[in-house]
Amino acid sequence: MSSRDDQQKLRVLTEDAERGIARAQRLLALRFLRGRGVPRDLGLGLEWLRRAAEQGHPQAQRDLGEFLEHGEGLPRNDAEARRLYHLAAHQGDPIALNHLRRLRRADGETD
């Protein structure tokens, strides 16, 4: 794929994200978080991830929860991470459900 194609895809993705499309916001966030086709920018990546999570995108909720649980780029906040995992799990995200189970076991709870 050419550099021009990559630039075009990034432009369309950014436009969709700016229009409020949660899936595009998460995909743009992942580009910034990983430095794929754009300079790596943790702050900008987390901002796009937050926007998608606030719209109820389950994978974005889970991803943001992971950053909060581990204190990466954000102050650690276990309660908010659990809340986001819970929201994502209730929408069928299996990874978020596994995170909740892991945290419950760590707390000595049983499923």
C-alpha atoms as a PDB file:
ATOM      1  CA  MET A   1       0.000   0.000   0.000  1.00  0.00           C
ATOM      2  CA  SER A   2       1.340   3.425  -0.904  1.00  0.00           C
ATOM      3  CA  SER A   3       2.017   6.286   1.437  1.00  0.00           C
ATOM      4  CA  ARG A   4      -0.733   8.206  -0.350  1.00  0.00           C
ATOM      5  CA  ASP A   5      -3.232   5.406   0.419  1.00  0.00           C
ATOM      6  CA  ASP A   6      -2.165   5.426   4.074  1.00  0.00           C
ATOM      7  CA  GLN A   7      -2.598   9.196   4.260  1.00  0.00           C
ATOM      8  CA  GLN A   8      -6.035   8.947   2.665  1.00  0.00           C
ATOM      9  CA  LYS A   9      -7.135   6.239   5.126  1.00  0.00           C
ATOM     10  CA  LEU A  10      -5.867   8.309   8.041  1.00  0.00           C
ATOM     11  CA  ARG A  11      -7.703  11.384   6.750  1.00  0.00           C
ATOM     12  CA  VAL A  12     -10.998   9.488   6.422  1.00  0.00           C
ATOM     13  CA  LEU A  13     -10.522   7.853   9.836  1.00  0.00           C
ATOM     14  CA  THR A  14      -9.842  11.242  11.437  1.00  0.00           C
ATOM     15  CA  GLU A  15     -12.895  12.786   9.779  1.00  0.00           C
ATOM     16  CA  ASP A  16     -15.088   9.932  10.996  1.00  0.00           C
ATOM     17  CA  ALA A  17     -13.646  10.223  14.515  1.00  0.00           C
ATOM     18  CA  GLU A  18     -14.247  13.974  14.568  1.00  0.00           C
ATOM     19  CA  ARG A  19     -17.857  13.351  13.466  1.00  0.00           C
ATOM     20  CA  GLY A  20     -18.316  11.235  16.586  1.00  0.00           C
ATOM     21  CA  ILE A  21     -18.176   7.708  15.185  1.00  0.00           C
ATOM     22  CA  ALA A  22     -17.040   5.666  18.186  1.00  0.00           C
ATOM     23  CA  ARG A  23     -15.427   2.858  16.186  1.00  0.00           C
ATOM     24  CA  ALA A  24     -13.328   5.385  14.256  1.00  0.00           C
ATOM     25  CA  GLN A  25     -12.396   7.130  17.502  1.00  0.00           C
ATOM     26  CA  ARG A  26     -11.092   3.857  18.942  1.00  0.00           C
ATOM     27  CA  LEU A  27      -9.182   2.990  15.773  1.00  0.00           C
ATOM     28  CA  LEU A  28      -7.622   6.461  15.683  1.00  0.00           C
ATOM     29  CA  ALA A  29      -6.752   6.131  19.365  1.00  0.00           C
ATOM     30  CA  LEU A  30      -4.958   2.849  18.690  1.00  0.00           C
ATOM     31  CA  ARG A  31      -2.942   4.487  15.906  1.00  0.00           C
ATOM     32  CA  PHE A  32      -1.747   7.213  18.271  1.00  0.00           C
ATOM     33  CA  LEU A  33      -1.121   4.790  21.132  1.00  0.00           C
ATOM     34  CA  ARG A  34       0.985   2.526  18.899  1.00  0.00           C
ATOM     35  CA  GLY A  35       2.487   5.124  16.573  1.00  0.00           C
ATOM     36  CA  ARG A  36       0.981   3.486  13.468  1.00  0.00           C
ATOM     37  CA  GLY A  37       1.082   5.989  10.614  1.00  0.00           C
ATOM     38  CA  VAL A  38       1.254   8.899  13.083  1.00  0.00           C
ATOM     39  CA  PRO A  39       3.740   9.940  15.751  1.00  0.00           C
ATOM     40  CA  ARG A  40       3.115   8.028  18.994  1.00  0.00           C
ATOM     41  CA  ASP A  41       1.111  10.291  21.304  1.00  0.00           C
ATOM     42  CA  LEU A  42      -0.180   8.713  24.502  1.00  0.00           C
ATOM     43  CA  GLY A  43      -2.217  11.766  25.514  1.00  0.00           C
ATOM     44  CA  LEU A  44      -3.989  12.106  22.191  1.00  0.00           C
ATOM     45  CA  GLY A  45      -4.553   8.366  21.982  1.00  0.00           C
ATOM     46  CA  LEU A  46      -6.130   8.295  25.432  1.00  0.00           C
ATOM     47  CA  GLU A  47      -8.333  11.272  24.593  1.00  0.00           C
ATOM     48  CA  TRP A  48      -9.745   9.533  21.515  1.00  0.00           C
ATOM     49  CA  LEU A  49     -10.156   6.339  23.530  1.00  0.00           C
ATOM     50  CA  ARG A  50     -12.054   8.243  26.229  1.00  0.00           C
ATOM     51  CA  ARG A  51     -14.398   9.734  23.625  1.00  0.00           C
ATOM     52  CA  ALA A  52     -15.221   6.300  22.205  1.00  0.00           C
ATOM     53  CA  ALA A  53     -15.656   4.807  25.694  1.00  0.00           C
ATOM     54  CA  GLU A  54     -18.042   7.590  26.713  1.00  0.00           C
ATOM     55  CA  GLN A  55     -20.210   6.677  23.721  1.00  0.00           C
ATOM     56  CA  GLY A  56     -20.452   3.110  24.984  1.00  0.00           C
ATOM     57  CA  HIS A  57     -17.989   1.400  22.633  1.00  0.00           C
ATOM     58  CA  PRO A  58     -17.194  -1.809  24.569  1.00  0.00           C
ATOM     59  CA  GLN A  59     -13.646  -2.366  23.323  1.00  0.00           C
ATOM     60  CA  ALA A  60     -12.789   1.273  24.028  1.00  0.00           C
ATOM     61  CA  GLN A  61     -14.249   0.915  27.520  1.00  0.00           C
ATOM     62  CA  ARG A  62     -12.108  -2.161  28.102  1.00  0.00           C
ATOM     63  CA  ASP A  63      -8.999  -0.539  26.635  1.00  0.00           C
ATOM     64  CA  LEU A  64      -9.423   2.574  28.773  1.00  0.00           C
ATOM     65  CA  GLY A  65     -10.024   0.383  31.809  1.00  0.00           C
ATOM     66  CA  GLU A  66      -6.691  -1.333  31.162  1.00  0.00           C
ATOM     67  CA  PHE A  67      -4.871   2.000  31.094  1.00  0.00           C
ATOM     68  CA  LEU A  68      -6.584   3.040  34.324  1.00  0.00           C
ATOM     69  CA  GLU A  69      -5.908  -0.280  36.044  1.00  0.00           C
ATOM     70  CA  HIS A  70      -2.212  -0.121  35.232  1.00  0.00           C
ATOM     71  CA  GLY A  71      -1.779   3.634  35.610  1.00  0.00           C
ATOM     72  CA  GLU A  72      -0.418   4.065  32.085  1.00  0.00           C
ATOM     73  CA  GLY A  73      -0.684   7.674  30.991  1.00  0.00           C
ATOM     74  CA  LEU A  74      -3.405   8.264  33.571  1.00  0.00           C
ATOM     75  CA  PRO A  75      -3.510   8.116  37.339  1.00  0.00           C
ATOM     76  CA  ARG A  76      -4.293   4.586  38.470  1.00  0.00           C
ATOM     77  CA  ASN A  77      -7.977   4.228  39.276  1.00  0.00           C
ATOM     78  CA  ASP A  78      -9.069   0.673  40.061  1.00  0.00           C
ATOM     79  CA  ALA A  79     -12.682   1.638  40.739  1.00  0.00           C
ATOM     80  CA  GLU A  80     -13.066   3.345  37.363  1.00  0.00           C
ATOM     81  CA  ALA A  81     -11.273   0.479  35.610  1.00  0.00           C
ATOM     82  CA  ARG A  82     -13.729  -1.989  37.155  1.00  0.00           C
ATOM     83  CA  ARG A  83     -16.669   0.191  36.148  1.00  0.00           C
ATOM     84  CA  LEU A  84     -15.475   0.298  32.551  1.00  0.00           C
ATOM     85  CA  TYR A  85     -14.778  -3.461  32.496  1.00  0.00           C
ATOM     86  CA  HIS A  86     -18.275  -4.029  33.858  1.00  0.00           C
ATOM     87  CA  LEU A  87     -19.850  -1.871  31.127  1.00  0.00           C
ATOM     88  CA  ALA A  88     -17.862  -3.610  28.397  1.00  0.00           C
ATOM     89  CA  ALA A  89     -18.530  -7.087  29.793  1.00  0.00           C
ATOM     90  CA  HIS A  90     -22.273  -6.418  29.834  1.00  0.00           C
ATOM     91  CA  GLN A  91     -22.033  -5.677  26.132  1.00  0.00           C
ATOM     92  CA  GLY A  92     -20.397  -9.028  25.511  1.00  0.00           C
ATOM     93  CA  ASP A  93     -16.691  -8.161  25.565  1.00  0.00           C
ATOM     94  CA  PRO A  94     -15.034 -11.428  26.677  1.00  0.00           C
ATOM     95  CA  ILE A  95     -11.706  -9.819  27.571  1.00  0.00           C
ATOM     96  CA  ALA A  96     -13.420  -7.340  29.895  1.00  0.00           C
ATOM     97  CA  LEU A  97     -15.267 -10.251  31.515  1.00  0.00           C
ATOM     98  CA  ASN A  98     -11.934 -12.031  32.056  1.00  0.00           C
ATOM     99  CA  HIS A  99     -10.505  -8.873  33.619  1.00  0.00           C
ATOM    100  CA  LEU A 100     -13.431  -8.709  36.034  1.00  0.00           C
ATOM    101  CA  ARG A 101     -13.025 -12.372  36.972  1.00  0.00           C
ATOM    102  CA  ARG A 102      -9.293 -11.884  37.521  1.00  0.00           C
ATOM    103  CA  LEU A 103      -9.908  -8.883  39.771  1.00  0.00           C
ATOM    104  CA  ARG A 104     -12.561 -10.746  41.741  1.00  0.00           C
ATOM    105  CA  ARG A 105     -10.172 -13.668  42.317  1.00  0.00           C
ATOM    106  CA  ALA A 106      -7.483 -11.229  43.412  1.00  0.00           C
ATOM    107  CA  ASP A 107      -9.978  -9.803  45.919  1.00  0.00           C
ATOM    108  CA  GLY A 108     -10.760 -13.312  47.187  1.00  0.00           C
ATOM    109  CA  GLU A 109     -14.246 -13.384  45.656  1.00  0.00           C
ATOM    110  CA  THR A 110     -15.648 -16.354  43.818  1.00  0.00           C
ATOM    111  CA  ASP A 111     -17.555 -16.271  40.520  1.00  0.00           C
END
